[in-house]
Amino acid sequence: MTYDDLCKKVEALWHDSYKSKSWEIIWDLVKLHKPFDLPWEIKDLKGCEGCGHMYPCKTIEVIEKELL
């Protein structure tokens, strides 16, 4: 799942839940752990702004796993 797809899915679930606090926190986590291009010119590798690990990081992997 791409980052944009994940954002759209979590945002939709947040709105569908009448903006519950728990979905808002998950949405904030997804926005925090946004991928960024690494300074090296290596295709298909991204870093995570939230934790500095490779994207998808463990946080994003857990969120994606629970949404499937």
C-alpha atoms as a PDB file:
ATOM      1  CA  MET A   1       0.000   0.000   0.000  1.00  0.00           C
ATOM      2  CA  THR A   2       1.410   3.408  -0.889  1.00  0.00           C
ATOM      3  CA  TYR A   3       1.670   6.188   1.658  1.00  0.00           C
ATOM      4  CA  ASP A   4      -1.069   8.192  -0.095  1.00  0.00           C
ATOM      5  CA  ASP A   5      -3.404   5.179  -0.123  1.00  0.00           C
ATOM      6  CA  LEU A   6      -2.754   4.598   3.567  1.00  0.00           C
ATOM      7  CA  CYS A   7      -3.460   8.256   4.380  1.00  0.00           C
ATOM      8  CA  LYS A   8      -6.730   8.197   2.443  1.00  0.00           C
ATOM      9  CA  LYS A   9      -7.855   4.965   4.074  1.00  0.00           C
ATOM     10  CA  VAL A  10      -7.077   6.100   7.627  1.00  0.00           C
ATOM     11  CA  GLU A  11      -8.629   9.519   7.022  1.00  0.00           C
ATOM     12  CA  ALA A  12     -11.810   7.885   5.696  1.00  0.00           C
ATOM     13  CA  LEU A  13     -11.977   5.596   8.739  1.00  0.00           C
ATOM     14  CA  TRP A  14     -11.471   8.609  11.003  1.00  0.00           C
ATOM     15  CA  HIS A  15     -14.367  10.460   9.357  1.00  0.00           C
ATOM     16  CA  ASP A  16     -16.559   7.334   9.375  1.00  0.00           C
ATOM     17  CA  SER A  17     -15.949   6.921  13.113  1.00  0.00           C
ATOM     18  CA  TYR A  18     -17.309  10.439  13.721  1.00  0.00           C
ATOM     19  CA  LYS A  19     -13.771  11.659  14.303  1.00  0.00           C
ATOM     20  CA  SER A  20     -13.012   9.419  17.269  1.00  0.00           C
ATOM     21  CA  LYS A  21      -9.850  10.207  19.178  1.00  0.00           C
ATOM     22  CA  SER A  22      -8.319   6.760  18.577  1.00  0.00           C
ATOM     23  CA  TRP A  23      -8.555   7.083  14.771  1.00  0.00           C
ATOM     24  CA  GLU A  24      -7.243  10.641  15.017  1.00  0.00           C
ATOM     25  CA  ILE A  25      -4.145   9.359  16.829  1.00  0.00           C
ATOM     26  CA  ILE A  26      -3.583   6.671  14.177  1.00  0.00           C
ATOM     27  CA  TRP A  27      -4.011   9.276  11.425  1.00  0.00           C
ATOM     28  CA  ASP A  28      -1.489  11.539  13.187  1.00  0.00           C
ATOM     29  CA  LEU A  29       0.961   8.628  13.417  1.00  0.00           C
ATOM     30  CA  VAL A  30       0.623   7.948   9.689  1.00  0.00           C
ATOM     31  CA  LYS A  31       1.214  11.632   8.909  1.00  0.00           C
ATOM     32  CA  LEU A  32       4.248  11.693  11.231  1.00  0.00           C
ATOM     33  CA  HIS A  33       5.832   8.613   9.624  1.00  0.00           C
ATOM     34  CA  LYS A  34       5.879  10.072   6.128  1.00  0.00           C
ATOM     35  CA  PRO A  35       8.406   8.673   3.636  1.00  0.00           C
ATOM     36  CA  PHE A  36      11.175  10.853   2.215  1.00  0.00           C
ATOM     37  CA  ASP A  37      13.764  10.376  -0.498  1.00  0.00           C
ATOM     38  CA  LEU A  38      17.176   9.382   0.761  1.00  0.00           C
ATOM     39  CA  PRO A  39      20.156  11.586  -0.150  1.00  0.00           C
ATOM     40  CA  TRP A  40      21.686   8.753  -2.152  1.00  0.00           C
ATOM     41  CA  GLU A  41      20.431   8.069  -5.628  1.00  0.00           C
ATOM     42  CA  ILE A  42      19.039   4.632  -4.861  1.00  0.00           C
ATOM     43  CA  LYS A  43      15.645   4.000  -6.386  1.00  0.00           C
ATOM     44  CA  ASP A  44      12.818   2.387  -4.431  1.00  0.00           C
ATOM     45  CA  LEU A  45      14.357   3.151  -1.031  1.00  0.00           C
ATOM     46  CA  LYS A  46      12.825   5.740   1.250  1.00  0.00           C
ATOM     47  CA  GLY A  47      13.435   6.899   4.786  1.00  0.00           C
ATOM     48  CA  CYS A  48      10.826   7.593   7.473  1.00  0.00           C
ATOM     49  CA  GLU A  49      10.558  11.174   8.737  1.00  0.00           C
ATOM     50  CA  GLY A  50       9.047  10.069  12.040  1.00  0.00           C
ATOM     51  CA  CYS A  51      11.709   7.661  13.250  1.00  0.00           C
ATOM     52  CA  GLY A  52      14.581   7.789  10.749  1.00  0.00           C
ATOM     53  CA  HIS A  53      14.351   4.110   9.816  1.00  0.00           C
ATOM     54  CA  MET A  54      13.745   2.765   6.332  1.00  0.00           C
ATOM     55  CA  TYR A  55      10.199   3.193   5.055  1.00  0.00           C
ATOM     56  CA  PRO A  56       7.916   1.413   5.693  1.00  0.00           C
ATOM     57  CA  CYS A  57       9.007   1.423   9.313  1.00  0.00           C
ATOM     58  CA  LYS A  58       7.616  -0.904  11.998  1.00  0.00           C
ATOM     59  CA  THR A  59       4.911   1.623  12.934  1.00  0.00           C
ATOM     60  CA  ILE A  60       3.557   1.807   9.386  1.00  0.00           C
ATOM     61  CA  GLU A  61       3.838  -1.977   8.962  1.00  0.00           C
ATOM     62  CA  VAL A  62       1.725  -2.549  12.085  1.00  0.00           C
ATOM     63  CA  ILE A  63      -0.912  -0.019  10.995  1.00  0.00           C
ATOM     64  CA  GLU A  64      -1.105  -1.551   7.500  1.00  0.00           C
ATOM     65  CA  LYS A  65      -1.342  -5.071   8.958  1.00  0.00           C
ATOM     66  CA  GLU A  66      -4.241  -4.106  11.233  1.00  0.00           C
ATOM     67  CA  LEU A  67      -6.118  -2.413   8.381  1.00  0.00           C
ATOM     68  CA  LEU A  68      -6.044  -5.488   6.133  1.00  0.00           C
END
